Amino acid sequence: MHEAWYLDALACPDCRRDLAIADGSIRCECGFTASAAGERLDLRPRHPQPRALRFDLRPASEHDLAAFPVDRPARDYDGPPAERDSSELFSAVRSRLTRGARLLDLGCGPRDQAAPAAHLGLQYVGIDFETAGADMLADAHAIPFRAETFDAVLAYAVLEHLYNPFVALTDVGRVLRRGGVFFGTVSQGEPYHVSYFHHTPLGVLAAFRATGFEIVRLWPSYDTLHALATMGRYARVVRGLIEIVDRADRAFPFLAPRRFFRGSARENDTERLFRAASICFVAVRH
């Protein structure tokens, strides 16, 4: 097993006690064991213990969206591109990340965000439930790190794939230091793609509030029409027609008279957010 900075911060995914690494194995007092040999750890839960959640029942309304920006951030990230474009995300949080900060890439997939993280001087670790390229296999509902290990957590198109987002968000808050930043994207209008819960802007706001986060910014990633054309389970000709409609909507904004002639910039940004296929978010832990 290669030496890595995060090995000293591991916690048991079953009971959250500190993990001990010795003689090529990882052990916990509760009976959890894993092999420390090879290039990737498997720290997915074996026998997770029941966990109780407590949170305030606070509904969100459209009026609450006025508390933060909903327009696209200025792109000032100038580093190497990731396979999944994250330039807007890193631009939005760049001022909150200092060199040497610890970044957890939750559901890292192809581990493509390691390059932008390295460019910004961040200490990176990517975990995923099953992707071979991850630094370790882990479950977002039982993140195998000690409390307040990370300065930032990135979740790129992850939350919709989690069967209990409230449990997962609570665990993100546990491993994130107070004042740390949580950023990423979540599906809203994208069609089903082995996903459980898609989030509207109010859904993001309510779920994050309930689990100890304050939303700093929301903005649309791309439009639902394009998602239906590229991800929808329609006949090819139908998807082609939807793509034509999407391009026409973007090319001829005057087709929406209210938006073009009477809507303020804020109202227009909010409308784009409401019809987004995917929503980008930045939040901080209370």
Protein backbone atom coordinates (compact mmCIF):
# COMPACT_ATOMS: atom_id res chain seq x y z
CA MET A 1 0.00 0.00 0.00
CA HIS A 2 1.43 3.36 -1.02
CA GLU A 3 1.93 5.94 1.72
CA ALA A 4 -0.65 8.74 1.61
CA TRP A 5 -1.46 11.67 3.88
CA TYR A 6 -5.02 10.49 4.46
CA LEU A 7 -4.09 7.12 6.01
CA ASP A 8 -3.65 8.79 9.41
CA ALA A 9 -7.20 10.18 9.24
CA LEU A 10 -9.14 6.98 8.59
CA ALA A 11 -12.17 6.03 10.67
CA CYS A 12 -14.26 2.87 10.70
CA PRO A 13 -17.21 3.08 8.30
CA ASP A 14 -19.23 0.81 10.61
CA CYS A 15 -18.77 2.52 13.99
CA ARG A 16 -16.62 5.67 13.30
CA ARG A 17 -13.82 4.67 15.71
CA ASP A 18 -10.24 5.28 14.59
CA LEU A 19 -8.80 2.58 12.35
CA ALA A 20 -5.43 0.98 13.09
CA ILE A 21 -3.08 -0.04 10.26
CA ALA A 22 -0.48 -2.71 11.01
CA ASP A 23 1.03 -5.79 9.37
CA GLY A 24 -0.74 -5.18 6.07
CA SER A 25 -4.21 -5.01 7.56
CA ILE A 26 -6.67 -2.42 8.82
CA ARG A 27 -8.63 -3.16 11.97
CA CYS A 28 -11.21 -1.64 14.28
CA GLU A 29 -12.30 -2.60 17.78
CA CYS A 30 -15.81 -3.30 16.46
CA GLY A 31 -14.48 -6.14 14.28
CA PHE A 32 -14.17 -4.33 10.96
CA THR A 33 -11.14 -5.48 8.95
CA ALA A 34 -9.69 -4.65 5.53
CA SER A 35 -6.50 -5.34 3.67
CA ALA A 36 -3.93 -2.56 3.43
CA ALA A 37 -2.10 -4.33 0.60
CA GLY A 38 -2.34 -3.20 -3.01
CA GLU A 39 -3.07 0.19 -4.50
CA ARG A 40 -6.65 0.68 -3.33
CA LEU A 41 -8.37 0.27 0.02
CA ASP A 42 -11.84 -1.20 0.32
CA LEU A 43 -13.46 0.66 3.21
CA ARG A 44 -17.08 0.08 2.33
CA PRO A 45 -19.26 -0.77 5.36
CA ARG A 46 -19.45 -4.41 6.42
CA HIS A 47 -21.89 -4.29 9.37
CA PRO A 48 -22.89 -0.63 9.83
CA GLN A 49 -24.48 0.28 13.12
CA PRO A 50 -27.83 2.14 13.24
CA ARG A 51 -27.57 5.93 13.15
CA ALA A 52 -30.17 8.45 14.27
CA LEU A 53 -30.59 11.80 12.52
CA ARG A 54 -31.81 15.03 14.09
CA PHE A 55 -32.66 18.09 12.06
CA ASP A 56 -35.03 21.04 12.04
CA LEU A 57 -38.21 20.79 10.01
CA ARG A 58 -37.78 24.01 8.03
CA PRO A 59 -39.49 24.23 4.65
CA ALA A 60 -37.90 26.39 1.98
CA SER A 61 -39.69 28.88 -0.24
CA GLU A 62 -38.81 30.76 -3.41
CA HIS A 63 -38.33 33.88 -1.28
CA ASP A 64 -35.38 32.15 0.42
CA LEU A 65 -33.55 32.00 -2.91
CA ALA A 66 -33.09 35.79 -2.74
CA ALA A 67 -30.48 35.32 0.00
CA PHE A 68 -27.70 34.25 -2.39
CA PRO A 69 -26.61 34.58 -6.04
CA VAL A 70 -28.13 32.32 -8.67
CA ASP A 71 -26.10 33.51 -11.67
CA ARG A 72 -23.06 31.82 -13.15
CA PRO A 73 -19.77 32.70 -11.41
CA ALA A 74 -16.99 34.36 -13.36
CA ARG A 75 -14.54 31.76 -14.65
CA ASP A 76 -11.06 32.49 -13.35
CA TYR A 77 -9.81 28.91 -13.04
CA ASP A 78 -6.85 28.67 -15.43
CA GLY A 79 -5.52 25.18 -14.73
CA PRO A 80 -5.70 21.87 -16.57
CA PRO A 81 -9.22 20.82 -17.59
CA ALA A 82 -10.93 17.80 -16.07
CA GLU A 83 -12.74 15.18 -18.11
CA ARG A 84 -15.94 16.47 -16.48
CA ASP A 85 -15.73 20.26 -16.76
CA SER A 86 -15.33 21.76 -13.30
CA SER A 87 -13.90 25.16 -14.22
CA GLU A 88 -16.97 27.03 -12.95
CA LEU A 89 -17.03 25.04 -9.73
CA PHE A 90 -13.38 25.68 -8.89
CA SER A 91 -13.76 29.31 -9.93
CA ALA A 92 -16.65 29.71 -7.50
CA VAL A 93 -14.71 28.31 -4.51
CA ARG A 94 -11.16 29.31 -5.39
CA SER A 95 -11.09 32.16 -2.86
CA ARG A 96 -12.10 29.69 -0.13
CA LEU A 97 -9.31 27.20 -0.86
CA THR A 98 -5.77 27.76 0.36
CA ARG A 99 -2.75 25.80 -0.81
CA GLY A 100 -2.36 22.66 1.24
CA ALA A 101 -6.08 22.42 2.00
CA ARG A 102 -7.52 18.91 2.14
CA LEU A 103 -10.10 18.07 -0.53
CA LEU A 104 -12.35 15.00 -0.54
CA ASP A 105 -13.72 14.08 -3.97
CA LEU A 106 -16.90 12.21 -3.00
CA GLY A 107 -17.97 9.80 -5.74
CA CYS A 108 -14.84 10.63 -7.72
CA GLY A 109 -15.64 8.43 -10.73
CA PRO A 110 -12.67 8.60 -13.13
CA ARG A 111 -10.70 10.67 -10.56
CA ASP A 112 -10.52 13.46 -13.15
CA GLN A 113 -10.75 16.24 -10.56
CA ALA A 114 -7.32 15.35 -9.18
CA ALA A 115 -5.63 17.51 -11.84
CA PRO A 116 -7.48 20.74 -10.98
CA ALA A 117 -6.92 20.00 -7.29
CA ALA A 118 -3.18 19.57 -7.84
CA HIS A 119 -3.07 22.81 -9.86
CA LEU A 120 -4.55 24.65 -6.87
CA GLY A 121 -2.10 22.98 -4.46
CA LEU A 122 -4.74 20.91 -2.67
CA GLN A 123 -4.23 17.59 -0.90
CA TYR A 124 -6.64 15.33 -2.79
CA VAL A 125 -8.26 11.99 -2.11
CA GLY A 126 -10.99 10.47 -4.26
CA ILE A 127 -13.44 7.88 -3.00
CA ASP A 128 -16.10 5.99 -4.94
CA PHE A 129 -18.43 3.09 -4.23
CA GLU A 130 -17.21 0.93 -7.11
CA THR A 131 -15.03 2.79 -9.65
CA ALA A 132 -11.64 1.13 -10.06
CA GLY A 133 -9.69 4.39 -10.41
CA ALA A 134 -10.61 5.72 -6.96
CA ASP A 135 -8.04 6.01 -4.19
CA MET A 136 -10.35 3.88 -2.07
CA LEU A 137 -13.75 2.25 -2.25
CA ALA A 138 -16.19 3.79 0.21
CA ASP A 139 -19.85 4.60 0.76
CA ALA A 140 -20.99 8.24 0.86
CA HIS A 141 -23.40 7.31 3.65
CA ALA A 142 -20.49 6.10 5.84
CA ILE A 143 -17.42 8.14 4.86
CA PRO A 144 -14.34 6.40 6.36
CA PHE A 145 -12.63 9.48 7.81
CA ARG A 146 -12.51 11.14 11.19
CA ALA A 147 -14.57 14.20 12.03
CA GLU A 148 -13.34 17.52 10.57
CA THR A 149 -10.66 15.92 8.42
CA PHE A 150 -11.32 18.02 5.30
CA ASP A 151 -11.34 21.69 4.37
CA ALA A 152 -13.48 21.05 1.28
CA VAL A 153 -15.67 18.32 -0.19
CA LEU A 154 -16.55 18.05 -3.87
CA ALA A 155 -19.54 15.99 -5.09
CA TYR A 156 -19.77 16.14 -8.89
CA ALA A 157 -23.11 14.61 -10.01
CA VAL A 158 -23.27 12.38 -6.92
CA LEU A 159 -26.20 13.30 -4.68
CA GLU A 160 -28.87 12.01 -7.07
CA HIS A 161 -27.28 8.55 -6.90
CA LEU A 162 -27.55 8.26 -3.11
CA TYR A 163 -30.44 6.28 -1.63
CA ASN A 164 -30.56 8.48 1.50
CA PRO A 165 -29.21 11.98 0.79
CA PHE A 166 -29.96 13.19 4.33
CA VAL A 167 -27.68 10.52 5.83
CA ALA A 168 -24.97 11.28 3.27
CA LEU A 169 -25.16 15.06 3.74
CA THR A 170 -24.93 14.60 7.49
CA ASP A 171 -21.78 12.51 7.06
CA VAL A 172 -20.28 15.11 4.70
CA GLY A 173 -20.86 17.67 7.44
CA ARG A 174 -19.16 15.38 9.96
CA VAL A 175 -15.90 15.02 8.00
CA LEU A 176 -15.85 18.69 6.94
CA ARG A 177 -14.34 21.23 9.30
CA ARG A 178 -16.49 24.08 10.57
CA GLY A 179 -16.54 26.78 7.92
CA GLY A 180 -15.41 24.28 5.27
CA VAL A 181 -16.87 24.40 1.78
CA PHE A 182 -19.04 21.78 0.10
CA PHE A 183 -19.48 22.21 -3.65
CA GLY A 184 -20.57 20.27 -6.70
CA THR A 185 -23.56 19.49 -8.91
CA VAL A 186 -26.82 17.61 -8.52
CA SER A 187 -29.46 16.53 -11.04
CA GLN A 188 -32.75 18.35 -11.35
CA GLY A 189 -34.26 17.83 -14.82
CA GLU A 190 -31.98 15.08 -16.09
CA PRO A 191 -33.80 11.83 -16.94
CA TYR A 192 -33.36 8.74 -14.80
CA HIS A 193 -29.77 7.46 -14.92
CA VAL A 194 -29.55 4.93 -12.10
CA SER A 195 -30.56 7.79 -9.81
CA TYR A 196 -32.75 8.01 -6.72
CA PHE A 197 -33.52 11.60 -5.73
CA HIS A 198 -33.17 14.58 -8.07
CA HIS A 199 -33.14 17.99 -6.38
CA THR A 200 -34.92 21.22 -7.27
CA PRO A 201 -33.44 24.50 -5.99
CA LEU A 202 -35.82 24.33 -3.02
CA GLY A 203 -34.90 20.70 -2.48
CA VAL A 204 -31.20 21.56 -2.35
CA LEU A 205 -31.89 24.44 0.02
CA ALA A 206 -34.10 22.40 2.36
CA ALA A 207 -31.82 19.34 2.46
CA PHE A 208 -28.68 21.38 3.05
CA ARG A 209 -30.31 23.51 5.74
CA ALA A 210 -31.55 20.43 7.56
CA THR A 211 -28.07 18.90 7.68
CA GLY A 212 -26.09 21.92 8.89
CA PHE A 213 -25.09 23.71 5.70
CA GLU A 214 -25.64 27.26 4.48
CA ILE A 215 -26.07 27.69 0.72
CA VAL A 216 -23.71 30.33 -0.66
CA ARG A 217 -24.60 30.06 -4.34
CA LEU A 218 -26.72 28.07 -6.79
CA TRP A 219 -26.61 28.27 -10.57
CA PRO A 220 -27.71 26.20 -13.58
CA SER A 221 -25.22 23.85 -15.20
CA TYR A 222 -27.14 23.29 -18.44
CA ASP A 223 -30.75 23.15 -19.66
CA THR A 224 -33.16 20.24 -19.26
CA LEU A 225 -33.99 20.26 -22.98
CA HIS A 226 -30.38 19.34 -23.80
CA ALA A 227 -30.44 16.63 -21.12
CA LEU A 228 -33.58 15.12 -22.62
CA ALA A 229 -31.95 15.16 -26.06
CA THR A 230 -28.75 13.46 -24.89
CA MET A 231 -29.89 11.30 -21.96
CA GLY A 232 -33.59 10.72 -22.61
CA ARG A 233 -34.80 7.25 -23.49
CA TYR A 234 -36.55 8.36 -26.66
CA ALA A 235 -36.28 7.35 -30.28
CA ARG A 236 -33.34 8.97 -32.05
CA VAL A 237 -35.57 11.17 -34.18
CA VAL A 238 -37.37 12.46 -31.06
CA ARG A 239 -34.08 13.26 -29.36
CA GLY A 240 -32.97 15.07 -32.50
CA LEU A 241 -36.10 17.22 -32.51
CA ILE A 242 -35.63 18.07 -28.81
CA GLU A 243 -32.05 19.14 -29.53
CA ILE A 244 -33.29 21.42 -32.33
CA VAL A 245 -35.76 23.03 -29.92
CA ASP A 246 -32.99 23.49 -27.34
CA ARG A 247 -30.71 25.19 -29.85
CA ALA A 248 -33.54 27.43 -31.02
CA ASP A 249 -34.30 28.45 -27.43
CA ARG A 250 -30.67 29.44 -26.88
CA ALA A 251 -30.28 31.16 -30.25
CA PHE A 252 -33.49 33.19 -30.17
CA PRO A 253 -34.12 34.49 -26.65
CA PHE A 254 -36.76 36.89 -27.97
CA LEU A 255 -39.07 33.87 -28.32
CA ALA A 256 -39.65 34.33 -24.59
CA PRO A 257 -41.12 37.88 -24.51
CA ARG A 258 -41.54 38.17 -20.76
CA ARG A 259 -38.01 37.05 -20.05
CA PHE A 260 -36.46 39.17 -22.77
CA PHE A 261 -38.46 42.39 -22.45
CA ARG A 262 -39.65 42.57 -18.85
CA GLY A 263 -37.60 40.20 -16.70
CA SER A 264 -34.77 41.59 -14.61
CA ALA A 265 -31.35 39.95 -14.76
CA ARG A 266 -32.11 38.25 -11.43
CA GLU A 267 -35.47 36.95 -12.68
CA ASN A 268 -33.88 35.61 -15.85
CA ASP A 269 -31.16 33.82 -13.88
CA THR A 270 -33.79 32.32 -11.58
CA GLU A 271 -35.84 31.07 -14.55
CA ARG A 272 -32.74 29.39 -15.98
CA LEU A 273 -32.14 27.78 -12.60
CA PHE A 274 -35.71 26.44 -12.44
CA ARG A 275 -35.42 24.71 -15.81
CA ALA A 276 -31.85 23.45 -15.36
CA ALA A 277 -30.99 19.81 -15.96
CA SER A 278 -28.26 20.02 -13.33
CA ILE A 279 -27.75 22.52 -10.51
CA CYS A 280 -24.32 23.69 -9.31
CA PHE A 281 -24.02 24.49 -5.61
CA VAL A 282 -21.60 25.98 -3.11
CA ALA A 283 -22.34 25.63 0.61
CA VAL A 284 -20.45 26.09 3.86
CA ARG A 285 -20.72 24.04 7.03
CA HIS A 286 -22.13 25.88 10.05
